[in-house]
């Protein structure tokens, strides 16, 4: 779709709208896709699709590690308290 739009670029005004209508998508969606394709191709500054996916994976991993650390911290606190209690023998 982006290739079709780029092939049409420069022919006249309203290119994005015309291509969007031909493909059955909204003009703003197509405009956003073209902008992201420019970023992915290195033609515009911004976060590429690959980097965005990598960040999502790393953020999920970070959340899981924080949750695991909290569980381990609570378990250590629980067992430390159990060791400090006098035994009932």
PDB file of N, CA and C in Angstrom:
ATOM      1  N   UNK A   1       0.820  -1.172   0.000  1.00  0.00           N
ATOM      2  CA  UNK A   1       0.000   0.000   0.000  1.00  0.00           C
ATOM      3  C   UNK A   1       0.871   1.245   0.000  1.00  0.00           C
ATOM      4  N   UNK A   2       1.902   1.243   0.811  1.00  0.00           N
ATOM      5  CA  UNK A   2       2.792   2.394   0.867  1.00  0.00           C
ATOM      6  C   UNK A   2       3.513   2.555  -0.466  1.00  0.00           C
ATOM      7  N   UNK A   3       3.885   1.443  -1.106  1.00  0.00           N
ATOM      8  CA  UNK A   3       4.524   1.519  -2.433  1.00  0.00           C
ATOM      9  C   UNK A   3       3.595   2.162  -3.454  1.00  0.00           C
ATOM     10  N   UNK A   4       2.316   1.802  -3.386  1.00  0.00           N
ATOM     11  CA  UNK A   4       1.335   2.393  -4.300  1.00  0.00           C
ATOM     12  C   UNK A   4       1.257   3.891  -4.083  1.00  0.00           C
ATOM     13  N   UNK A   5       1.214   4.304  -2.845  1.00  0.00           N
ATOM     14  CA  UNK A   5       1.136   5.724  -2.539  1.00  0.00           C
ATOM     15  C   UNK A   5       2.381   6.454  -3.002  1.00  0.00           C
ATOM     16  N   UNK A   6       3.547   5.872  -2.744  1.00  0.00           N
ATOM     17  CA  UNK A   6       4.785   6.532  -3.159  1.00  0.00           C
ATOM     18  C   UNK A   6       4.890   6.629  -4.676  1.00  0.00           C
ATOM     19  N   UNK A   7       4.370   5.635  -5.385  1.00  0.00           N
ATOM     20  CA  UNK A   7       4.371   5.688  -6.845  1.00  0.00           C
ATOM     21  C   UNK A   7       3.490   6.838  -7.334  1.00  0.00           C
ATOM     22  N   UNK A   8       2.447   7.155  -6.589  1.00  0.00           N
ATOM     23  CA  UNK A   8       1.512   8.222  -6.957  1.00  0.00           C
ATOM     24  C   UNK A   8       1.985   9.604  -6.502  1.00  0.00           C
ATOM     25  N   UNK A   9       2.888   9.660  -5.545  1.00  0.00           N
ATOM     26  CA  UNK A   9       3.292  10.945  -4.974  1.00  0.00           C
ATOM     27  C   UNK A   9       3.797  11.901  -6.044  1.00  0.00           C
ATOM     28  N   UNK A  10       3.436  13.146  -5.869  1.00  0.00           N
ATOM     29  CA  UNK A  10       3.921  14.180  -6.766  1.00  0.00           C
ATOM     30  C   UNK A  10       3.054  14.384  -7.983  1.00  0.00           C
ATOM     31  N   UNK A  11       2.093  13.510  -8.242  1.00  0.00           N
ATOM     32  CA  UNK A  11       1.264  13.661  -9.430  1.00  0.00           C
ATOM     33  C   UNK A  11       0.244  14.768  -9.256  1.00  0.00           C
ATOM     34  N   UNK A  12      -0.344  14.897  -8.067  1.00  0.00           N
ATOM     35  CA  UNK A  12      -1.295  15.971  -7.796  1.00  0.00           C
ATOM     36  C   UNK A  12      -1.584  16.025  -6.309  1.00  0.00           C
ATOM     37  N   UNK A  13      -2.329  17.034  -5.913  1.00  0.00           N
ATOM     38  CA  UNK A  13      -2.706  17.165  -4.509  1.00  0.00           C
ATOM     39  C   UNK A  13      -3.762  16.117  -4.176  1.00  0.00           C
ATOM     40  N   UNK A  14      -3.845  15.726  -2.918  1.00  0.00           N
ATOM     41  CA  UNK A  14      -4.849  14.759  -2.495  1.00  0.00           C
ATOM     42  C   UNK A  14      -4.475  13.316  -2.773  1.00  0.00           C
ATOM     43  N   UNK A  15      -3.190  13.051  -2.928  1.00  0.00           N
ATOM     44  CA  UNK A  15      -2.741  11.700  -3.256  1.00  0.00           C
ATOM     45  C   UNK A  15      -3.108  10.697  -2.173  1.00  0.00           C
ATOM     46  N   UNK A  16      -2.882  11.055  -0.920  1.00  0.00           N
ATOM     47  CA  UNK A  16      -3.171  10.140   0.191  1.00  0.00           C
ATOM     48  C   UNK A  16      -4.653   9.794   0.197  1.00  0.00           C
ATOM     49  N   UNK A  17      -5.504  10.788   0.061  1.00  0.00           N
ATOM     50  CA  UNK A  17      -6.954  10.557   0.059  1.00  0.00           C
ATOM     51  C   UNK A  17      -7.351   9.653  -1.104  1.00  0.00           C
ATOM     52  N   UNK A  18      -6.806   9.911  -2.270  1.00  0.00           N
ATOM     53  CA  UNK A  18      -7.155   9.122  -3.451  1.00  0.00           C
ATOM     54  C   UNK A  18      -6.738   7.656  -3.278  1.00  0.00           C
ATOM     55  N   UNK A  19      -5.521   7.427  -2.818  1.00  0.00           N
ATOM     56  CA  UNK A  19      -5.041   6.053  -2.624  1.00  0.00           C
ATOM     57  C   UNK A  19      -5.826   5.376  -1.513  1.00  0.00           C
ATOM     58  N   UNK A  20      -6.121   6.106  -0.437  1.00  0.00           N
ATOM     59  CA  UNK A  20      -6.896   5.541   0.669  1.00  0.00           C
ATOM     60  C   UNK A  20      -8.274   5.105   0.176  1.00  0.00           C
ATOM     61  N   UNK A  21      -8.912   5.945  -0.635  1.00  0.00           N
ATOM     62  CA  UNK A  21     -10.227   5.597  -1.188  1.00  0.00           C
ATOM     63  C   UNK A  21     -10.141   4.365  -2.090  1.00  0.00           C
ATOM     64  N   UNK A  22      -9.079   4.286  -2.886  1.00  0.00           N
ATOM     65  CA  UNK A  22      -8.909   3.140  -3.785  1.00  0.00           C
ATOM     66  C   UNK A  22      -8.748   1.839  -3.012  1.00  0.00           C
ATOM     67  N   UNK A  23      -8.070   1.924  -1.879  1.00  0.00           N
ATOM     68  CA  UNK A  23      -7.798   0.716  -1.088  1.00  0.00           C
ATOM     69  C   UNK A  23      -8.852   0.462  -0.014  1.00  0.00           C
ATOM     70  N   UNK A  24      -9.719   1.422   0.220  1.00  0.00           N
ATOM     71  CA  UNK A  24     -10.788   1.239   1.197  1.00  0.00           C
ATOM     72  C   UNK A  24     -10.374   1.505   2.637  1.00  0.00           C
ATOM     73  N   UNK A  25      -9.383   2.369   2.831  1.00  0.00           N
ATOM     74  CA  UNK A  25      -8.935   2.734   4.171  1.00  0.00           C
ATOM     75  C   UNK A  25      -9.164   4.218   4.390  1.00  0.00           C
ATOM     76  N   UNK A  26      -9.103   4.650   5.647  1.00  0.00           N
ATOM     77  CA  UNK A  26      -9.217   6.066   5.965  1.00  0.00           C
ATOM     78  C   UNK A  26      -7.935   6.801   5.613  1.00  0.00           C
ATOM     79  N   UNK A  27      -8.078   8.058   5.224  1.00  0.00           N
ATOM     80  CA  UNK A  27      -6.916   8.855   4.815  1.00  0.00           C
ATOM     81  C   UNK A  27      -5.914   9.023   5.953  1.00  0.00           C
ATOM     82  N   UNK A  28      -6.400   9.241   7.177  1.00  0.00           N
ATOM     83  CA  UNK A  28      -5.472   9.413   8.309  1.00  0.00           C
ATOM     84  C   UNK A  28      -4.706   8.127   8.595  1.00  0.00           C
ATOM     85  N   UNK A  29      -5.356   6.976   8.452  1.00  0.00           N
ATOM     86  CA  UNK A  29      -4.665   5.696   8.653  1.00  0.00           C
ATOM     87  C   UNK A  29      -3.544   5.551   7.642  1.00  0.00           C
ATOM     88  N   UNK A  30      -3.843   5.841   6.392  1.00  0.00           N
ATOM     89  CA  UNK A  30      -2.835   5.720   5.333  1.00  0.00           C
ATOM     90  C   UNK A  30      -1.701   6.704   5.577  1.00  0.00           C
ATOM     91  N   UNK A  31      -2.042   7.929   5.967  1.00  0.00           N
ATOM     92  CA  UNK A  31      -1.022   8.941   6.240  1.00  0.00           C
ATOM     93  C   UNK A  31      -0.100   8.472   7.372  1.00  0.00           C
ATOM     94  N   UNK A  32      -0.682   7.872   8.407  1.00  0.00           N
ATOM     95  CA  UNK A  32       0.107   7.361   9.533  1.00  0.00           C
ATOM     96  C   UNK A  32       1.015   6.222   9.088  1.00  0.00           C
ATOM     97  N   UNK A  33       0.496   5.329   8.238  1.00  0.00           N
ATOM     98  CA  UNK A  33       1.303   4.208   7.746  1.00  0.00           C
ATOM     99  C   UNK A  33       2.466   4.689   6.908  1.00  0.00           C
ATOM    100  N   UNK A  34       2.246   5.687   6.093  1.00  0.00           N
ATOM    101  CA  UNK A  34       3.318   6.232   5.252  1.00  0.00           C
ATOM    102  C   UNK A  34       4.379   6.870   6.140  1.00  0.00           C
ATOM    103  N   UNK A  35       3.932   7.610   7.140  1.00  0.00           N
ATOM    104  CA  UNK A  35       4.877   8.240   8.061  1.00  0.00           C
ATOM    105  C   UNK A  35       5.714   7.183   8.770  1.00  0.00           C
ATOM    106  N   UNK A  36       5.074   6.088   9.244  1.00  0.00           N
ATOM    107  CA  UNK A  36       5.814   5.015   9.914  1.00  0.00           C
ATOM    108  C   UNK A  36       6.757   4.319   8.948  1.00  0.00           C
ATOM    109  N   UNK A  37       6.344   4.134   7.700  1.00  0.00           N
ATOM    110  CA  UNK A  37       7.216   3.516   6.694  1.00  0.00           C
ATOM    111  C   UNK A  37       8.438   4.392   6.444  1.00  0.00           C
ATOM    112  N   UNK A  38       8.268   5.705   6.430  1.00  0.00           N
ATOM    113  CA  UNK A  38       9.404   6.618   6.274  1.00  0.00           C
ATOM    114  C   UNK A  38      10.366   6.478   7.442  1.00  0.00           C
ATOM    115  N   UNK A  39       9.821   6.345   8.648  1.00  0.00           N
ATOM    116  CA  UNK A  39      10.670   6.155   9.833  1.00  0.00           C
ATOM    117  C   UNK A  39      11.408   4.821   9.733  1.00  0.00           C
ATOM    118  N   UNK A  40      10.696   3.753   9.360  1.00  0.00           N
ATOM    119  CA  UNK A  40      11.310   2.429   9.249  1.00  0.00           C
ATOM    120  C   UNK A  40      12.399   2.397   8.175  1.00  0.00           C
ATOM    121  N   UNK A  41      12.219   3.175   7.105  1.00  0.00           N
ATOM    122  CA  UNK A  41      13.206   3.217   6.018  1.00  0.00           C
ATOM    123  C   UNK A  41      14.359   4.162   6.313  1.00  0.00           C
ATOM    124  N   UNK A  42      14.306   4.853   7.447  1.00  0.00           N
ATOM    125  CA  UNK A  42      15.370   5.767   7.819  1.00  0.00           C
ATOM    126  C   UNK A  42      15.268   7.121   7.143  1.00  0.00           C
ATOM    127  N   UNK A  43      14.154   7.416   6.531  1.00  0.00           N
ATOM    128  CA  UNK A  43      13.974   8.692   5.843  1.00  0.00           C
ATOM    129  C   UNK A  43      13.449   9.785   6.766  1.00  0.00           C
ATOM    130  N   UNK A  44      12.961   9.403   7.940  1.00  0.00           N
ATOM    131  CA  UNK A  44      12.428  10.372   8.904  1.00  0.00           C
ATOM    132  C   UNK A  44      12.857   9.943  10.307  1.00  0.00           C
ATOM    133  N   UNK A  45      13.022  10.909  11.207  1.00  0.00           N
ATOM    134  CA  UNK A  45      13.393  10.554  12.582  1.00  0.00           C
ATOM    135  C   UNK A  45      12.205   9.959  13.326  1.00  0.00           C
ATOM    136  N   UNK A  46      12.488   9.096  14.264  1.00  0.00           N
ATOM    137  CA  UNK A  46      11.441   8.499  15.081  1.00  0.00           C
ATOM    138  C   UNK A  46      11.804   7.089  15.485  1.00  0.00           C
ATOM    139  N   UNK A  47      10.881   6.433  16.191  1.00  0.00           N
ATOM    140  CA  UNK A  47      11.088   5.064  16.675  1.00  0.00           C
ATOM    141  C   UNK A  47      10.544   4.101  15.623  1.00  0.00           C
ATOM    142  N   UNK A  48      11.420   3.229  15.135  1.00  0.00           N
ATOM    143  CA  UNK A  48      11.013   2.275  14.108  1.00  0.00           C
ATOM    144  C   UNK A  48      10.098   1.201  14.699  1.00  0.00           C
ATOM    145  N   UNK A  49       9.424   0.497  13.827  1.00  0.00           N
ATOM    146  CA  UNK A  49       8.515  -0.565  14.246  1.00  0.00           C
ATOM    147  C   UNK A  49       9.270  -1.647  15.013  1.00  0.00           C
ATOM    148  N   UNK A  50      10.448  -2.002  14.536  1.00  0.00           N
ATOM    149  CA  UNK A  50      11.261  -3.011  15.216  1.00  0.00           C
ATOM    150  C   UNK A  50      11.672  -2.581  16.614  1.00  0.00           C
ATOM    151  N   UNK A  51      12.097  -1.327  16.734  1.00  0.00           N
ATOM    152  CA  UNK A  51      12.478  -0.802  18.044  1.00  0.00           C
ATOM    153  C   UNK A  51      11.275  -0.754  18.977  1.00  0.00           C
ATOM    154  N   UNK A  52      10.128  -0.381  18.448  1.00  0.00           N
ATOM    155  CA  UNK A  52       8.915  -0.317  19.253  1.00  0.00           C
ATOM    156  C   UNK A  52       8.557  -1.701  19.792  1.00  0.00           C
ATOM    157  N   UNK A  53       8.643  -2.714  18.952  1.00  0.00           N
ATOM    158  CA  UNK A  53       8.367  -4.086  19.393  1.00  0.00           C
ATOM    159  C   UNK A  53       9.381  -4.530  20.447  1.00  0.00           C
ATOM    160  N   UNK A  54      10.654  -4.189  20.226  1.00  0.00           N
ATOM    161  CA  UNK A  54      11.710  -4.554  21.176  1.00  0.00           C
ATOM    162  C   UNK A  54      11.447  -3.905  22.535  1.00  0.00           C
ATOM    163  N   UNK A  55      11.028  -2.638  22.525  1.00  0.00           N
ATOM    164  CA  UNK A  55      10.717  -1.949  23.775  1.00  0.00           C
ATOM    165  C   UNK A  55       9.547  -2.601  24.498  1.00  0.00           C
ATOM    166  N   UNK A  56       8.528  -3.011  23.756  1.00  0.00           N
ATOM    167  CA  UNK A  56       7.378  -3.675  24.378  1.00  0.00           C
ATOM    168  C   UNK A  56       7.806  -4.972  25.059  1.00  0.00           C
ATOM    169  N   UNK A  57       8.657  -5.741  24.390  1.00  0.00           N
ATOM    170  CA  UNK A  57       9.136  -7.003  24.960  1.00  0.00           C
ATOM    171  C   UNK A  57       9.956  -6.727  26.219  1.00  0.00           C
ATOM    172  N   UNK A  58      10.846  -5.750  26.162  1.00  0.00           N
ATOM    173  CA  UNK A  58      11.677  -5.429  27.322  1.00  0.00           C
ATOM    174  C   UNK A  58      10.852  -4.891  28.487  1.00  0.00           C
ATOM    175  N   UNK A  59       9.834  -4.085  28.199  1.00  0.00           N
ATOM    176  CA  UNK A  59       8.973  -3.575  29.261  1.00  0.00           C
ATOM    177  C   UNK A  59       8.189  -4.704  29.925  1.00  0.00           C
ATOM    178  N   UNK A  60       7.713  -5.660  29.135  1.00  0.00           N
ATOM    179  CA  UNK A  60       7.002  -6.810  29.698  1.00  0.00           C
ATOM    180  C   UNK A  60       7.941  -7.636  30.580  1.00  0.00           C
ATOM    181  N   UNK A  61       9.155  -7.856  30.091  1.00  0.00           N
ATOM    182  CA  UNK A  61      10.138  -8.610  30.873  1.00  0.00           C
ATOM    183  C   UNK A  61      10.448  -7.881  32.179  1.00  0.00           C
ATOM    184  N   UNK A  62      10.574  -6.561  32.111  1.00  0.00           N
ATOM    185  CA  UNK A  62      10.839  -5.764  33.301  1.00  0.00           C
ATOM    186  C   UNK A  62       9.708  -5.906  34.318  1.00  0.00           C
ATOM    187  N   UNK A  63       8.440  -5.839  33.856  1.00  0.00           N
ATOM    188  CA  UNK A  63       7.297  -6.007  34.765  1.00  0.00           C
ATOM    189  C   UNK A  63       7.326  -7.373  35.433  1.00  0.00           C
ATOM    190  N   UNK A  64       7.626  -8.416  34.659  1.00  0.00           N
ATOM    191  CA  UNK A  64       7.676  -9.771  35.219  1.00  0.00           C
ATOM    192  C   UNK A  64       8.785  -9.903  36.248  1.00  0.00           C
ATOM    193  N   UNK A  65       9.945  -9.306  35.961  1.00  0.00           N
ATOM    194  CA  UNK A  65      11.052  -9.374  36.914  1.00  0.00           C
ATOM    195  C   UNK A  65      10.735  -8.609  38.197  1.00  0.00           C
ATOM    196  N   UNK A  66      10.081  -7.464  38.085  1.00  0.00           N
ATOM    197  CA  UNK A  66       9.700  -6.712  39.279  1.00  0.00           C
ATOM    198  C   UNK A  66       8.700  -7.505  40.126  1.00  0.00           C
ATOM    199  N   UNK A  67       7.747  -8.147  39.454  1.00  0.00           N
ATOM    200  CA  UNK A  67       6.760  -8.957  40.166  1.00  0.00           C
ATOM    201  C   UNK A  67       7.447 -10.133  40.867  1.00  0.00           C
ATOM    202  N   UNK A  68       8.357 -10.788  40.183  1.00  0.00           N
ATOM    203  CA  UNK A  68       9.096 -11.910  40.770  1.00  0.00           C
ATOM    204  C   UNK A  68       9.913 -11.452  41.975  1.00  0.00           C
ATOM    205  N   UNK A  69      10.583 -10.312  41.837  1.00  0.00           N
ATOM    206  CA  UNK A  69      11.370  -9.780  42.954  1.00  0.00           C
ATOM    207  C   UNK A  69      10.499  -9.475  44.160  1.00  0.00           C
ATOM    208  N   UNK A  70       9.309  -8.938  43.929  1.00  0.00           N
ATOM    209  CA  UNK A  70       8.399  -8.636  45.041  1.00  0.00           C
ATOM    210  C   UNK A  70       7.959  -9.921  45.739  1.00  0.00           C
ATOM    211  N   UNK A  71       7.663 -10.951  44.976  1.00  0.00           N
ATOM    212  CA  UNK A  71       7.280 -12.247  45.561  1.00  0.00           C
ATOM    213  C   UNK A  71       8.424 -12.807  46.388  1.00  0.00           C
ATOM    214  N   UNK A  72       9.639 -12.762  45.847  1.00  0.00           N
ATOM    215  CA  UNK A  72      10.799 -13.279  46.581  1.00  0.00           C
ATOM    216  C   UNK A  72      11.082 -12.458  47.834  1.00  0.00           C
ATOM    217  N   UNK A  73      10.903 -11.146  47.755  1.00  0.00           N
ATOM    218  CA  UNK A  73      11.120 -10.284  48.921  1.00  0.00           C
ATOM    219  C   UNK A  73      10.124 -10.644  50.026  1.00  0.00           C
ATOM    220  N   UNK A  74       8.860 -10.844  49.667  1.00  0.00           N
ATOM    221  CA  UNK A  74       7.841 -11.205  50.661  1.00  0.00           C
ATOM    222  C   UNK A  74       8.097 -12.594  51.240  1.00  0.00           C
ATOM    223  N   UNK A  75       8.520 -13.527  50.404  1.00  0.00           N
ATOM    224  CA  UNK A  75       8.809 -14.877  50.891  1.00  0.00           C
ATOM    225  C   UNK A  75       9.986 -14.846  51.871  1.00  0.00           C
ATOM    226  N   UNK A  76      11.017 -14.085  51.530  1.00  0.00           N
ATOM    227  CA  UNK A  76      12.181 -13.987  52.418  1.00  0.00           C
ATOM    228  C   UNK A  76      11.771 -13.376  53.751  1.00  0.00           C
ATOM    229  N   UNK A  77      10.921 -12.366  53.713  1.00  0.00           N
ATOM    230  CA  UNK A  77      10.453 -11.726  54.941  1.00  0.00           C
ATOM    231  C   UNK A  77       9.638 -12.710  55.775  1.00  0.00           C
ATOM    232  N   UNK A  78       8.775 -13.479  55.135  1.00  0.00           N
ATOM    233  CA  UNK A  78       7.940 -14.460  55.824  1.00  0.00           C
ATOM    234  C   UNK A  78       8.814 -15.516  56.509  1.00  0.00           C
ATOM    235  N   UNK A  79       9.770 -16.079  55.760  1.00  0.00           N
ATOM    236  CA  UNK A  79      10.607 -17.132  56.332  1.00  0.00           C
ATOM    237  C   UNK A  79      11.545 -16.591  57.401  1.00  0.00           C
ATOM    238  N   UNK A  80      11.989 -15.350  57.260  1.00  0.00           N
ATOM    239  CA  UNK A  80      12.837 -14.749  58.296  1.00  0.00           C
ATOM    240  C   UNK A  80      12.032 -14.598  59.587  1.00  0.00           C
ATOM    241  N   UNK A  81      10.768 -14.216  59.467  1.00  0.00           N
ATOM    242  CA  UNK A  81       9.915 -14.079  60.648  1.00  0.00           C
ATOM    243  C   UNK A  81       9.672 -15.441  61.286  1.00  0.00           C
ATOM    244  N   UNK A  82       9.520 -16.475  60.499  1.00  0.00           N
ATOM    245  CA  UNK A  82       9.313 -17.831  61.023  1.00  0.00           C
ATOM    246  C   UNK A  82      10.536 -18.308  61.788  1.00  0.00           C
ATOM    247  N   UNK A  83      11.727 -17.969  61.316  1.00  0.00           N
ATOM    248  CA  UNK A  83      12.948 -18.392  62.003  1.00  0.00           C
ATOM    249  C   UNK A  83      13.129 -17.659  63.315  1.00  0.00           C
ATOM    250  N   UNK A  84      12.621 -16.433  63.418  1.00  0.00           N
ATOM    251  CA  UNK A  84      12.777 -15.642  64.635  1.00  0.00           C
ATOM    252  C   UNK A  84      11.787 -16.050  65.727  1.00  0.00           C
ATOM    253  N   UNK A  85      10.730 -16.734  65.386  1.00  0.00           N
ATOM    254  CA  UNK A  85       9.731 -17.156  66.400  1.00  0.00           C
ATOM    255  C   UNK A  85      10.315 -18.278  67.261  1.00  0.00           C
ATOM    256  N   UNK A  86       9.987 -18.243  68.539  1.00  0.00           N
ATOM    257  CA  UNK A  86      10.456 -19.345  69.397  1.00  0.00           C
ATOM    258  C   UNK A  86       9.704 -20.627  69.030  1.00  0.00           C
ATOM    259  N   UNK A  87      10.386 -21.738  69.100  1.00  0.00           N
ATOM    260  CA  UNK A  87       9.738 -23.008  68.748  1.00  0.00           C
ATOM    261  C   UNK A  87       8.846 -23.463  69.880  1.00  0.00           C
ATOM    262  N   UNK A  88       7.818 -24.253  69.554  1.00  0.00           N
ATOM    263  CA  UNK A  88       6.830 -24.698  70.549  1.00  0.00           C
ATOM    264  C   UNK A  88       7.131 -26.119  71.023  1.00  0.00           C
ATOM    265  N   UNK A  89       8.315 -26.439  71.315  1.00  0.00           N
ATOM    266  CA  UNK A  89       8.661 -27.784  71.749  1.00  0.00           C
ATOM    267  C   UNK A  89       8.578 -27.902  73.207  1.00  0.00           C
TER     268      UNK A  89
END
